[in-house]
Full PDB file with SEQRES, HELIX, SHEET, SSBOND, CRYST1, ORIGX, SCALE, CONECT and MASTER records, all heavy atoms in Angstrom:
SEQRES   1 A   42  CYS PRO HIS ALA GLY THR PRO LEU ASN LEU PHE ASN ASP          
SEQRES   2 A   42  ARG PHE MET ASP LEU ASP ASN THR TYR LEU LEU CYS ARG          
SEQRES   3 A   42  THR HIS GLY ALA LYS PHE GLU TYR LYS ASN GLY LYS CYS          
SEQRES   4 A   42  ILE ALA GLY                                                  
SHEET    1 AA1 3 TYR A  22  LEU A  24  0                                        
SHEET    2 AA1 3 LYS A  31  GLU A  33 -1                                        
SHEET    3 AA1 3 CYS A  39  ALA A  41 -1                                        
CRYST1    1.000    1.000    1.000  90.00  90.00  90.00 P 1           1          
ORIGX1      1.000000  0.000000  0.000000        0.00000                         
ORIGX2      0.000000  1.000000  0.000000        0.00000                         
ORIGX3      0.000000  0.000000  1.000000        0.00000                         
SCALE1      1.000000  0.000000  0.000000        0.00000                         
SCALE2      0.000000  1.000000  0.000000        0.00000                         
SCALE3      0.000000  0.000000  1.000000        0.00000                         
ATOM      1  N   CYS A   1       0.862  -1.217  -0.033  1.00  0.00           N  
ATOM      2  CA  CYS A   1      -0.033   0.002  -0.006  1.00  0.00           C  
ATOM      3  C   CYS A   1       0.886   1.269  -0.031  1.00  0.00           C  
ATOM      4  O   CYS A   1       1.880   1.269   0.770  1.00  0.00           O  
ATOM      5  CB  CYS A   1      -0.891  -0.009   1.196  1.00  0.00           C  
ATOM      6  SG  CYS A   1      -1.999   1.427   1.319  1.00  0.00           S  
ATOM      7  N   PRO A   2       0.596   2.207  -0.859  1.00  0.00           N  
ATOM      8  CA  PRO A   2       1.407   3.452  -0.825  1.00  0.00           C  
ATOM      9  C   PRO A   2       1.324   4.314   0.409  1.00  0.00           C  
ATOM     10  O   PRO A   2       2.097   5.077   0.621  1.00  0.00           O  
ATOM     11  CB  PRO A   2       0.840   4.267  -2.040  1.00  0.00           C  
ATOM     12  CG  PRO A   2      -0.425   3.669  -2.423  1.00  0.00           C  
ATOM     13  CD  PRO A   2      -0.389   2.292  -1.912  1.00  0.00           C  
ATOM     14  N   HIS A   3       0.245   4.049   1.240  1.00  0.00           N  
ATOM     15  CA  HIS A   3       0.161   4.781   2.443  1.00  0.00           C  
ATOM     16  C   HIS A   3       1.174   4.344   3.462  1.00  0.00           C  
ATOM     17  O   HIS A   3       1.825   5.164   4.139  1.00  0.00           O  
ATOM     18  CB  HIS A   3      -1.265   4.556   2.972  1.00  0.00           C  
ATOM     19  CG  HIS A   3      -1.514   5.128   4.331  1.00  0.00           C  
ATOM     20  ND1 HIS A   3      -1.902   4.343   5.257  1.00  0.00           N  
ATOM     21  CD2 HIS A   3      -1.347   6.341   4.828  1.00  0.00           C  
ATOM     22  CE1 HIS A   3      -2.084   5.075   6.562  1.00  0.00           C  
ATOM     23  NE2 HIS A   3      -1.724   6.335   6.320  1.00  0.00           N  
ATOM     24  N   ALA A   4       1.159   3.115   3.965  1.00  0.00           N  
ATOM     25  CA  ALA A   4       2.007   2.702   5.104  1.00  0.00           C  
ATOM     26  C   ALA A   4       2.941   1.611   4.646  1.00  0.00           C  
ATOM     27  O   ALA A   4       3.681   1.063   5.586  1.00  0.00           O  
ATOM     28  CB  ALA A   4       1.069   2.148   6.134  1.00  0.00           C  
ATOM     29  N   GLY A   5       2.998   1.155   3.407  1.00  0.00           N  
ATOM     30  CA  GLY A   5       3.837   0.032   3.006  1.00  0.00           C  
ATOM     31  C   GLY A   5       3.488  -1.335   3.399  1.00  0.00           C  
ATOM     32  O   GLY A   5       4.274  -2.237   3.235  1.00  0.00           O  
ATOM     33  N   THR A   6       2.239  -1.460   3.863  1.00  0.00           N  
ATOM     34  CA  THR A   6       1.797  -2.759   4.369  1.00  0.00           C  
ATOM     35  C   THR A   6       1.188  -3.520   3.120  1.00  0.00           C  
ATOM     36  O   THR A   6       0.779  -2.876   2.101  1.00  0.00           O  
ATOM     37  CB  THR A   6       0.785  -2.748   5.414  1.00  0.00           C  
ATOM     38  OG1 THR A   6      -0.365  -1.834   4.874  1.00  0.00           O  
ATOM     39  CG2 THR A   6       1.278  -2.028   6.664  1.00  0.00           C  
ATOM     40  N   PRO A   7       1.114  -4.783   3.247  1.00  0.00           N  
ATOM     41  CA  PRO A   7       0.434  -5.616   2.165  1.00  0.00           C  
ATOM     42  C   PRO A   7      -1.027  -5.225   2.183  1.00  0.00           C  
ATOM     43  O   PRO A   7      -1.517  -4.992   3.212  1.00  0.00           O  
ATOM     44  CB  PRO A   7       0.710  -7.068   2.654  1.00  0.00           C  
ATOM     45  CG  PRO A   7       1.725  -7.073   3.666  1.00  0.00           C  
ATOM     46  CD  PRO A   7       1.672  -5.732   4.257  1.00  0.00           C  
ATOM     47  N   LEU A   8      -1.634  -5.369   0.928  1.00  0.00           N  
ATOM     48  CA  LEU A   8      -3.095  -5.095   0.820  1.00  0.00           C  
ATOM     49  C   LEU A   8      -3.810  -6.174   1.679  1.00  0.00           C  
ATOM     50  O   LEU A   8      -4.846  -5.856   2.234  1.00  0.00           O  
ATOM     51  CB  LEU A   8      -3.590  -5.064  -0.517  1.00  0.00           C  
ATOM     52  CG  LEU A   8      -3.372  -3.672  -1.168  1.00  0.00           C  
ATOM     53  CD1 LEU A   8      -1.999  -3.122  -1.359  1.00  0.00           C  
ATOM     54  CD2 LEU A   8      -4.104  -3.700  -2.561  1.00  0.00           C  
ATOM     55  N   ASN A   9      -3.467  -7.389   1.491  1.00  0.00           N  
ATOM     56  CA  ASN A   9      -4.205  -8.632   2.236  1.00  0.00           C  
ATOM     57  C   ASN A   9      -3.567  -8.728   3.647  1.00  0.00           C  
ATOM     58  O   ASN A   9      -2.385  -8.672   3.823  1.00  0.00           O  
ATOM     59  CB  ASN A   9      -4.115  -9.832   1.360  1.00  0.00           C  
ATOM     60  CG  ASN A   9      -2.644 -10.268   1.141  1.00  0.00           C  
ATOM     61  OD1 ASN A   9      -1.707  -9.524   0.945  1.00  0.00           O  
ATOM     62  ND2 ASN A   9      -2.460 -11.627   1.082  1.00  0.00           N  
ATOM     63  N   LEU A  10      -4.400  -9.260   4.510  1.00  0.00           N  
ATOM     64  CA  LEU A  10      -3.869  -9.415   5.853  1.00  0.00           C  
ATOM     65  C   LEU A  10      -3.647 -10.967   6.125  1.00  0.00           C  
ATOM     66  O   LEU A  10      -2.695 -11.261   6.664  1.00  0.00           O  
ATOM     67  CB  LEU A  10      -4.749  -8.713   6.909  1.00  0.00           C  
ATOM     68  CG  LEU A  10      -4.682  -7.265   7.108  1.00  0.00           C  
ATOM     69  CD1 LEU A  10      -5.772  -6.756   8.104  1.00  0.00           C  
ATOM     70  CD2 LEU A  10      -3.410  -6.793   7.402  1.00  0.00           C  
ATOM     71  N   PHE A  11      -4.666 -11.617   5.690  1.00  0.00           N  
ATOM     72  CA  PHE A  11      -4.718 -13.082   6.143  1.00  0.00           C  
ATOM     73  C   PHE A  11      -4.733 -14.009   5.033  1.00  0.00           C  
ATOM     74  O   PHE A  11      -4.641 -15.233   5.213  1.00  0.00           O  
ATOM     75  CB  PHE A  11      -5.871 -13.325   7.149  1.00  0.00           C  
ATOM     76  CG  PHE A  11      -5.817 -12.374   8.270  1.00  0.00           C  
ATOM     77  CD1 PHE A  11      -6.793 -11.488   8.430  1.00  0.00           C  
ATOM     78  CD2 PHE A  11      -4.840 -12.470   9.391  1.00  0.00           C  
ATOM     79  CE1 PHE A  11      -6.865 -10.685   9.584  1.00  0.00           C  
ATOM     80  CE2 PHE A  11      -4.808 -11.699  10.279  1.00  0.00           C  
ATOM     81  CZ  PHE A  11      -5.704 -10.648  10.471  1.00  0.00           C  
ATOM     82  N   ASN A  12      -5.144 -13.660   3.881  1.00  0.00           N  
ATOM     83  CA  ASN A  12      -5.390 -14.658   2.713  1.00  0.00           C  
ATOM     84  C   ASN A  12      -5.022 -13.918   1.429  1.00  0.00           C  
ATOM     85  O   ASN A  12      -4.527 -12.833   1.414  1.00  0.00           O  
ATOM     86  CB  ASN A  12      -6.745 -15.199   2.724  1.00  0.00           C  
ATOM     87  CG  ASN A  12      -7.877 -14.111   2.878  1.00  0.00           C  
ATOM     88  OD1 ASN A  12      -7.694 -13.203   2.142  1.00  0.00           O  
ATOM     89  ND2 ASN A  12      -8.931 -14.374   3.581  1.00  0.00           N  
ATOM     90  N   ASP A  13      -5.533 -14.498   0.363  1.00  0.00           N  
ATOM     91  CA  ASP A  13      -5.326 -13.977  -0.966  1.00  0.00           C  
ATOM     92  C   ASP A  13      -6.409 -13.220  -1.526  1.00  0.00           C  
ATOM     93  O   ASP A  13      -6.498 -13.091  -2.684  1.00  0.00           O  
ATOM     94  CB  ASP A  13      -4.961 -15.176  -1.950  1.00  0.00           C  
ATOM     95  CG  ASP A  13      -3.560 -15.832  -1.690  1.00  0.00           C  
ATOM     96  OD1 ASP A  13      -2.706 -15.030  -1.074  1.00  0.00           O  
ATOM     97  OD2 ASP A  13      -3.386 -16.862  -2.107  1.00  0.00           O  
ATOM     98  N   ARG A  14      -7.216 -12.550  -0.612  1.00  0.00           N  
ATOM     99  CA  ARG A  14      -8.232 -11.807  -1.190  1.00  0.00           C  
ATOM    100  C   ARG A  14      -7.892 -10.300  -1.278  1.00  0.00           C  
ATOM    101  O   ARG A  14      -7.460  -9.719  -0.210  1.00  0.00           O  
ATOM    102  CB  ARG A  14      -9.562 -11.901  -0.279  1.00  0.00           C  
ATOM    103  CG  ARG A  14     -10.121 -13.236  -0.356  1.00  0.00           C  
ATOM    104  CD  ARG A  14     -11.531 -13.418   0.389  1.00  0.00           C  
ATOM    105  NE  ARG A  14     -12.071 -14.742   0.272  1.00  0.00           N  
ATOM    106  CZ  ARG A  14     -12.746 -15.125  -0.676  1.00  0.00           C  
ATOM    107  NH1 ARG A  14     -13.141 -14.252  -1.509  1.00  0.00           N  
ATOM    108  NH2 ARG A  14     -13.261 -16.348  -0.600  1.00  0.00           N  
ATOM    109  N   PHE A  15      -7.990  -9.740  -2.381  1.00  0.00           N  
ATOM    110  CA  PHE A  15      -7.554  -8.290  -2.597  1.00  0.00           C  
ATOM    111  C   PHE A  15      -8.774  -7.421  -2.956  1.00  0.00           C  
ATOM    112  O   PHE A  15      -8.562  -6.214  -2.928  1.00  0.00           O  
ATOM    113  CB  PHE A  15      -6.527  -8.275  -3.718  1.00  0.00           C  
ATOM    114  CG  PHE A  15      -5.223  -8.982  -3.222  1.00  0.00           C  
ATOM    115  CD1 PHE A  15      -5.017 -10.302  -3.562  1.00  0.00           C  
ATOM    116  CD2 PHE A  15      -4.242  -8.338  -2.529  1.00  0.00           C  
ATOM    117  CE1 PHE A  15      -3.860 -11.012  -3.172  1.00  0.00           C  
ATOM    118  CE2 PHE A  15      -3.020  -9.013  -2.065  1.00  0.00           C  
ATOM    119  CZ  PHE A  15      -2.948 -10.364  -2.465  1.00  0.00           C  
ATOM    120  N   MET A  16      -9.785  -8.035  -3.403  1.00  0.00           N  
ATOM    121  CA  MET A  16     -10.971  -7.141  -3.888  1.00  0.00           C  
ATOM    122  C   MET A  16     -11.944  -6.955  -2.788  1.00  0.00           C  
ATOM    123  O   MET A  16     -12.040  -7.677  -1.749  1.00  0.00           O  
ATOM    124  CB  MET A  16     -11.764  -8.053  -4.978  1.00  0.00           C  
ATOM    125  CG  MET A  16     -10.911  -8.233  -6.251  1.00  0.00           C  
ATOM    126  SD  MET A  16     -10.335  -6.725  -7.070  1.00  0.00           S  
ATOM    127  CE  MET A  16     -11.737  -6.022  -7.828  1.00  0.00           C  
ATOM    128  N   ASP A  17     -12.672  -5.822  -2.824  1.00  0.00           N  
ATOM    129  CA  ASP A  17     -13.777  -5.531  -1.839  1.00  0.00           C  
ATOM    130  C   ASP A  17     -14.878  -6.603  -2.048  1.00  0.00           C  
ATOM    131  O   ASP A  17     -14.888  -7.480  -2.920  1.00  0.00           O  
ATOM    132  CB  ASP A  17     -14.212  -4.083  -1.901  1.00  0.00           C  
ATOM    133  CG  ASP A  17     -14.929  -3.701  -3.194  1.00  0.00           C  
ATOM    134  OD1 ASP A  17     -15.127  -4.632  -4.022  1.00  0.00           O  
ATOM    135  OD2 ASP A  17     -15.191  -2.466  -3.352  1.00  0.00           O  
ATOM    136  N   LEU A  18     -15.919  -6.425  -1.009  1.00  0.00           N  
ATOM    137  CA  LEU A  18     -17.043  -7.464  -1.186  1.00  0.00           C  
ATOM    138  C   LEU A  18     -17.858  -7.463  -2.415  1.00  0.00           C  
ATOM    139  O   LEU A  18     -18.421  -8.433  -2.859  1.00  0.00           O  
ATOM    140  CB  LEU A  18     -17.927  -7.188   0.044  1.00  0.00           C  
ATOM    141  CG  LEU A  18     -17.211  -7.491   1.461  1.00  0.00           C  
ATOM    142  CD1 LEU A  18     -18.275  -7.183   2.550  1.00  0.00           C  
ATOM    143  CD2 LEU A  18     -16.830  -9.004   1.485  1.00  0.00           C  
ATOM    144  N   ASP A  19     -17.806  -6.197  -3.084  1.00  0.00           N  
ATOM    145  CA  ASP A  19     -18.547  -6.102  -4.438  1.00  0.00           C  
ATOM    146  C   ASP A  19     -17.615  -6.470  -5.631  1.00  0.00           C  
ATOM    147  O   ASP A  19     -18.225  -6.350  -6.785  1.00  0.00           O  
ATOM    148  CB  ASP A  19     -19.056  -4.681  -4.479  1.00  0.00           C  
ATOM    149  CG  ASP A  19     -20.008  -4.248  -3.400  1.00  0.00           C  
ATOM    150  OD1 ASP A  19     -20.801  -5.089  -2.913  1.00  0.00           O  
ATOM    151  OD2 ASP A  19     -19.943  -3.094  -3.100  1.00  0.00           O  
ATOM    152  N   ASN A  20     -16.452  -6.790  -5.375  1.00  0.00           N  
ATOM    153  CA  ASN A  20     -15.604  -7.151  -6.597  1.00  0.00           C  
ATOM    154  C   ASN A  20     -15.448  -5.992  -7.501  1.00  0.00           C  
ATOM    155  O   ASN A  20     -15.315  -6.119  -8.622  1.00  0.00           O  
ATOM    156  CB  ASN A  20     -15.998  -8.358  -7.304  1.00  0.00           C  
ATOM    157  CG  ASN A  20     -15.410  -9.690  -6.656  1.00  0.00           C  
ATOM    158  OD1 ASN A  20     -14.361  -9.508  -5.870  1.00  0.00           O  
ATOM    159  ND2 ASN A  20     -15.946 -10.779  -7.076  1.00  0.00           N  
ATOM    160  N   THR A  21     -15.390  -4.786  -6.925  1.00  0.00           N  
ATOM    161  CA  THR A  21     -15.186  -3.627  -7.811  1.00  0.00           C  
ATOM    162  C   THR A  21     -13.871  -2.951  -7.601  1.00  0.00           C  
ATOM    163  O   THR A  21     -13.281  -2.519  -8.530  1.00  0.00           O  
ATOM    164  CB  THR A  21     -16.273  -2.536  -7.362  1.00  0.00           C  
ATOM    165  OG1 THR A  21     -17.688  -3.219  -7.367  1.00  0.00           O  
ATOM    166  CG2 THR A  21     -16.281  -1.341  -8.134  1.00  0.00           C  
ATOM    167  N   TYR A  22     -13.372  -2.854  -6.248  1.00  0.00           N  
ATOM    168  CA  TYR A  22     -12.153  -2.171  -5.981  1.00  0.00           C  
ATOM    169  C   TYR A  22     -11.221  -3.099  -5.360  1.00  0.00           C  
ATOM    170  O   TYR A  22     -11.514  -3.976  -4.569  1.00  0.00           O  
ATOM    171  CB  TYR A  22     -12.344  -1.051  -5.144  1.00  0.00           C  
ATOM    172  CG  TYR A  22     -13.176   0.033  -5.859  1.00  0.00           C  
ATOM    173  CD1 TYR A  22     -14.469   0.292  -5.413  1.00  0.00           C  
ATOM    174  CD2 TYR A  22     -12.676   0.981  -6.753  1.00  0.00           C  
ATOM    175  CE1 TYR A  22     -15.254   1.222  -6.009  1.00  0.00           C  
ATOM    176  CE2 TYR A  22     -13.494   1.878  -7.278  1.00  0.00           C  
ATOM    177  CZ  TYR A  22     -14.725   2.019  -7.016  1.00  0.00           C  
ATOM    178  OH  TYR A  22     -15.549   2.951  -7.595  1.00  0.00           O  
ATOM    179  N   LEU A  23      -9.836  -2.824  -5.572  1.00  0.00           N  
ATOM    180  CA  LEU A  23      -8.827  -3.511  -4.733  1.00  0.00           C  
ATOM    181  C   LEU A  23      -8.850  -2.780  -3.278  1.00  0.00           C  
ATOM    182  O   LEU A  23      -9.114  -1.620  -3.437  1.00  0.00           O  
ATOM    183  CB  LEU A  23      -7.375  -3.360  -5.375  1.00  0.00           C  
ATOM    184  CG  LEU A  23      -7.336  -4.086  -6.641  1.00  0.00           C  
ATOM    185  CD1 LEU A  23      -6.069  -3.527  -7.479  1.00  0.00           C  
ATOM    186  CD2 LEU A  23      -7.251  -5.548  -6.569  1.00  0.00           C  
ATOM    187  N   LEU A  24      -8.711  -3.579  -2.288  1.00  0.00           N  
ATOM    188  CA  LEU A  24      -8.887  -2.903  -0.967  1.00  0.00           C  
ATOM    189  C   LEU A  24      -7.784  -3.287  -0.143  1.00  0.00           C  
ATOM    190  O   LEU A  24      -7.257  -4.362   0.017  1.00  0.00           O  
ATOM    191  CB  LEU A  24     -10.179  -3.545  -0.291  1.00  0.00           C  
ATOM    192  CG  LEU A  24     -10.537  -3.172   1.058  1.00  0.00           C  
ATOM    193  CD1 LEU A  24     -10.973  -1.650   1.160  1.00  0.00           C  
ATOM    194  CD2 LEU A  24     -11.517  -3.984   1.504  1.00  0.00           C  
ATOM    195  N   CYS A  25      -7.231  -2.219   0.511  1.00  0.00           N  
ATOM    196  CA  CYS A  25      -6.173  -2.448   1.571  1.00  0.00           C  
ATOM    197  C   CYS A  25      -6.828  -2.672   2.934  1.00  0.00           C  
ATOM    198  O   CYS A  25      -7.627  -1.843   3.495  1.00  0.00           O  
ATOM    199  CB  CYS A  25      -5.274  -1.157   1.664  1.00  0.00           C  
ATOM    200  SG  CYS A  25      -3.987  -1.302   3.038  1.00  0.00           S  
ATOM    201  N   ARG A  26      -6.516  -3.844   3.413  1.00  0.00           N  
ATOM    202  CA  ARG A  26      -7.139  -4.243   4.645  1.00  0.00           C  
ATOM    203  C   ARG A  26      -6.576  -3.542   5.888  1.00  0.00           C  
ATOM    204  O   ARG A  26      -7.258  -3.551   6.945  1.00  0.00           O  
ATOM    205  CB  ARG A  26      -7.069  -5.831   4.875  1.00  0.00           C  
ATOM    206  CG  ARG A  26      -7.530  -6.686   3.702  1.00  0.00           C  
ATOM    207  CD  ARG A  26      -9.060  -6.525   3.662  1.00  0.00           C  
ATOM    208  NE  ARG A  26      -9.605  -7.673   2.909  1.00  0.00           N  
ATOM    209  CZ  ARG A  26      -9.886  -7.640   1.638  1.00  0.00           C  
ATOM    210  NH1 ARG A  26      -9.503  -6.631   0.832  1.00  0.00           N  
ATOM    211  NH2 ARG A  26     -10.435  -8.741   1.044  1.00  0.00           N  
ATOM    212  N   THR A  27      -5.404  -2.873   5.806  1.00  0.00           N  
ATOM    213  CA  THR A  27      -4.943  -2.219   7.019  1.00  0.00           C  
ATOM    214  C   THR A  27      -5.800  -0.902   7.328  1.00  0.00           C  
ATOM    215  O   THR A  27      -6.222  -0.693   8.525  1.00  0.00           O  
ATOM    216  CB  THR A  27      -3.558  -1.753   6.841  1.00  0.00           C  
ATOM    217  OG1 THR A  27      -2.743  -2.994   6.434  1.00  0.00           O  
ATOM    218  CG2 THR A  27      -2.853  -1.201   7.970  1.00  0.00           C  
ATOM    219  N   HIS A  28      -5.985  -0.005   6.350  1.00  0.00           N  
ATOM    220  CA  HIS A  28      -6.630   1.295   6.647  1.00  0.00           C  
ATOM    221  C   HIS A  28      -7.925   1.458   5.633  1.00  0.00           C  
ATOM    222  O   HIS A  28      -8.385   2.595   5.603  1.00  0.00           O  
ATOM    223  CB  HIS A  28      -5.723   2.489   6.489  1.00  0.00           C  
ATOM    224  CG  HIS A  28      -4.690   2.447   7.598  1.00  0.00           C  
ATOM    225  ND1 HIS A  28      -3.322   2.189   7.244  1.00  0.00           N  
ATOM    226  CD2 HIS A  28      -4.681   2.640   8.772  1.00  0.00           C  
ATOM    227  CE1 HIS A  28      -2.688   2.083   8.353  1.00  0.00           C  
ATOM    228  NE2 HIS A  28      -3.456   2.341   9.375  1.00  0.00           N  
ATOM    229  N   GLY A  29      -8.328   0.407   4.950  1.00  0.00           N  
ATOM    230  CA  GLY A  29      -9.471   0.534   4.072  1.00  0.00           C  
ATOM    231  C   GLY A  29      -9.384   1.342   2.859  1.00  0.00           C  
ATOM    232  O   GLY A  29     -10.365   1.763   2.220  1.00  0.00           O  
ATOM    233  N   ALA A  30      -8.160   1.673   2.329  1.00  0.00           N  
ATOM    234  CA  ALA A  30      -7.948   2.307   1.002  1.00  0.00           C  
ATOM    235  C   ALA A  30      -8.568   1.546  -0.094  1.00  0.00           C  
ATOM    236  O   ALA A  30      -8.377   0.354  -0.126  1.00  0.00           O  
ATOM    237  CB  ALA A  30      -6.603   2.709   0.897  1.00  0.00           C  
ATOM    238  N   LYS A  31      -9.302   2.199  -1.051  1.00  0.00           N  
ATOM    239  CA  LYS A  31      -9.771   1.494  -2.156  1.00  0.00           C  
ATOM    240  C   LYS A  31      -9.064   1.913  -3.504  1.00  0.00           C  
ATOM    241  O   LYS A  31      -8.736   3.125  -3.545  1.00  0.00           O  
ATOM    242  CB  LYS A  31     -11.337   1.818  -2.398  1.00  0.00           C  
ATOM    243  CG  LYS A  31     -12.201   1.096  -1.315  1.00  0.00           C  
ATOM    244  CD  LYS A  31     -13.636   1.458  -1.599  1.00  0.00           C  
ATOM    245  CE  LYS A  31     -14.424   0.776  -0.674  1.00  0.00           C  
ATOM    246  NZ  LYS A  31     -15.816   1.001  -0.955  1.00  0.00           N  
ATOM    247  N   PHE A  32      -8.656   0.936  -4.320  1.00  0.00           N  
ATOM    248  CA  PHE A  32      -7.966   1.309  -5.560  1.00  0.00           C  
ATOM    249  C   PHE A  32      -8.730   0.841  -6.720  1.00  0.00           C  
ATOM    250  O   PHE A  32      -9.225  -0.260  -6.645  1.00  0.00           O  
ATOM    251  CB  PHE A  32      -6.539   0.538  -5.456  1.00  0.00           C  
ATOM    252  CG  PHE A  32      -5.711   0.984  -4.266  1.00  0.00           C  
ATOM    253  CD1 PHE A  32      -5.819   0.292  -3.019  1.00  0.00           C  
ATOM    254  CD2 PHE A  32      -4.781   1.933  -4.392  1.00  0.00           C  
ATOM    255  CE1 PHE A  32      -5.056   0.616  -1.978  1.00  0.00           C  
ATOM    256  CE2 PHE A  32      -4.013   2.353  -3.388  1.00  0.00           C  
ATOM    257  CZ  PHE A  32      -4.195   1.648  -2.177  1.00  0.00           C  
ATOM    258  N   GLU A  33      -8.681   1.570  -7.823  1.00  0.00           N  
ATOM    259  CA  GLU A  33      -9.292   1.068  -9.054  1.00  0.00           C  
ATOM    260  C   GLU A  33      -8.564  -0.088  -9.513  1.00  0.00           C  
ATOM    261  O   GLU A  33      -7.257  -0.119  -9.416  1.00  0.00           O  
ATOM    262  CB  GLU A  33      -9.099   2.236 -10.140  1.00  0.00           C  
ATOM    263  CG  GLU A  33     -10.051   3.410  -9.743  1.00  0.00           C  
ATOM    264  CD  GLU A  33      -9.862   4.532 -10.740  1.00  0.00           C  
ATOM    265  OE1 GLU A  33      -8.960   4.629 -11.486  1.00  0.00           O  
ATOM    266  OE2 GLU A  33     -10.912   5.393 -10.727  1.00  0.00           O  
ATOM    267  N   TYR A  34      -9.170  -1.040  -9.934  1.00  0.00           N  
ATOM    268  CA  TYR A  34      -8.746  -2.340 -10.335  1.00  0.00           C  
ATOM    269  C   TYR A  34      -7.782  -2.240 -11.504  1.00  0.00           C  
ATOM    270  O   TYR A  34      -6.630  -2.708 -11.508  1.00  0.00           O  
ATOM    271  CB  TYR A  34      -9.777  -3.372 -10.642  1.00  0.00           C  
ATOM    272  CG  TYR A  34      -9.140  -4.621 -11.329  1.00  0.00           C  
ATOM    273  CD1 TYR A  34      -8.682  -5.545 -10.446  1.00  0.00           C  
ATOM    274  CD2 TYR A  34      -9.390  -4.914 -12.734  1.00  0.00           C  
ATOM    275  CE1 TYR A  34      -8.132  -6.692 -11.008  1.00  0.00           C  
ATOM    276  CE2 TYR A  34      -8.907  -6.084 -13.144  1.00  0.00           C  
ATOM    277  CZ  TYR A  34      -8.238  -6.914 -12.405  1.00  0.00           C  
ATOM    278  OH  TYR A  34      -7.756  -8.078 -12.920  1.00  0.00           O  
ATOM    279  N   LYS A  35      -8.069  -1.525 -12.543  1.00  0.00           N  
ATOM    280  CA  LYS A  35      -7.386  -1.513 -13.822  1.00  0.00           C  
ATOM    281  C   LYS A  35      -6.054  -0.669 -13.844  1.00  0.00           C  
ATOM    282  O   LYS A  35      -4.995  -1.078 -14.298  1.00  0.00           O  
ATOM    283  CB  LYS A  35      -8.214  -0.960 -14.884  1.00  0.00           C  
ATOM    284  CG  LYS A  35      -7.661  -1.206 -16.229  1.00  0.00           C  
ATOM    285  CD  LYS A  35      -7.553  -2.669 -16.721  1.00  0.00           C  
ATOM    286  CE  LYS A  35      -6.974  -2.804 -18.017  1.00  0.00           C  
ATOM    287  NZ  LYS A  35      -6.475  -4.229 -17.983  1.00  0.00           N  
ATOM    288  N   ASN A  36      -6.031   0.417 -12.975  1.00  0.00           N  
ATOM    289  CA  ASN A  36      -4.799   1.186 -12.971  1.00  0.00           C  
ATOM    290  C   ASN A  36      -4.165   1.370 -11.559  1.00  0.00           C  
ATOM    291  O   ASN A  36      -3.096   2.019 -11.501  1.00  0.00           O  
ATOM    292  CB  ASN A  36      -5.082   2.587 -13.561  1.00  0.00           C  
ATOM    293  CG  ASN A  36      -6.146   3.487 -12.795  1.00  0.00           C  
ATOM    294  OD1 ASN A  36      -6.367   3.107 -11.648  1.00  0.00           O  
ATOM    295  ND2 ASN A  36      -6.603   4.507 -13.402  1.00  0.00           N  
ATOM    296  N   GLY A  37      -4.829   0.966 -10.505  1.00  0.00           N  
ATOM    297  CA  GLY A  37      -4.221   0.976  -9.124  1.00  0.00           C  
ATOM    298  C   GLY A  37      -4.311   2.325  -8.521  1.00  0.00           C  
ATOM    299  O   GLY A  37      -3.684   2.478  -7.459  1.00  0.00           O  
ATOM    300  N   LYS A  38      -5.085   3.151  -9.025  1.00  0.00           N  
ATOM    301  CA  LYS A  38      -5.257   4.537  -8.411  1.00  0.00           C  
ATOM    302  C   LYS A  38      -6.148   4.502  -7.181  1.00  0.00           C  
ATOM    303  O   LYS A  38      -7.322   3.916  -7.104  1.00  0.00           O  
ATOM    304  CB  LYS A  38      -5.860   5.551  -9.385  1.00  0.00           C  
ATOM    305  CG  LYS A  38      -5.851   6.910  -8.799  1.00  0.00           C  
ATOM    306  CD  LYS A  38      -6.366   7.935  -9.783  1.00  0.00           C  
ATOM    307  CE  LYS A  38      -6.419   9.369  -9.221  1.00  0.00           C  
ATOM    308  NZ  LYS A  38      -6.892  10.310 -10.189  1.00  0.00           N  
ATOM    309  N   CYS A  39      -5.726   5.029  -6.008  1.00  0.00           N  
ATOM    310  CA  CYS A  39      -6.579   5.016  -4.878  1.00  0.00           C  
ATOM    311  C   CYS A  39      -7.529   6.118  -5.070  1.00  0.00           C  
ATOM    312  O   CYS A  39      -7.227   7.371  -5.300  1.00  0.00           O  
ATOM    313  CB  CYS A  39      -5.606   5.418  -3.664  1.00  0.00           C  
ATOM    314  SG  CYS A  39      -6.459   5.457  -2.096  1.00  0.00           S  
ATOM    315  N   ILE A  40      -8.802   5.754  -4.846  1.00  0.00           N  
ATOM    316  CA  ILE A  40      -9.841   6.694  -4.998  1.00  0.00           C  
ATOM    317  C   ILE A  40     -10.509   6.957  -3.595  1.00  0.00           C  
ATOM    318  O   ILE A  40     -11.392   7.805  -3.528  1.00  0.00           O  
ATOM    319  CB  ILE A  40     -10.886   6.128  -5.967  1.00  0.00           C  
ATOM    320  CG1 ILE A  40     -11.324   4.564  -5.586  1.00  0.00           C  
ATOM    321  CG2 ILE A  40     -10.378   6.146  -7.255  1.00  0.00           C  
ATOM    322  CD1 ILE A  40     -12.793   4.587  -4.956  1.00  0.00           C  
ATOM    323  N   ALA A  41     -10.166   6.295  -2.512  1.00  0.00           N  
ATOM    324  CA  ALA A  41     -10.698   6.414  -1.189  1.00  0.00           C  
ATOM    325  C   ALA A  41      -9.700   5.992  -0.180  1.00  0.00           C  
ATOM    326  O   ALA A  41      -9.096   4.962  -0.292  1.00  0.00           O  
ATOM    327  CB  ALA A  41     -11.992   5.824  -1.008  1.00  0.00           C  
ATOM    328  N   GLY A  42      -9.566   6.721   0.888  1.00  0.00           N  
ATOM    329  CA  GLY A  42      -8.554   6.384   1.991  1.00  0.00           C  
ATOM    330  C   GLY A  42      -7.468   7.286   2.168  1.00  0.00           C  
ATOM    331  O   GLY A  42      -7.337   8.225   1.482  1.00  0.00           O  
TER     332      GLY A  42                                                      
MASTER        0    0    0    0    3    0    0    6  331    1    0    4          
END                                                                             
């Protein structure tokens, strides 16, 4: 994650949010556009 340097996943290989729309950082909840990796929230 560009915010804290932590991995996006905490416990497993799940990187998408529950809606399978955005990549999600499990540490602070940042959301990233899937196709380009841009953080749009967090």
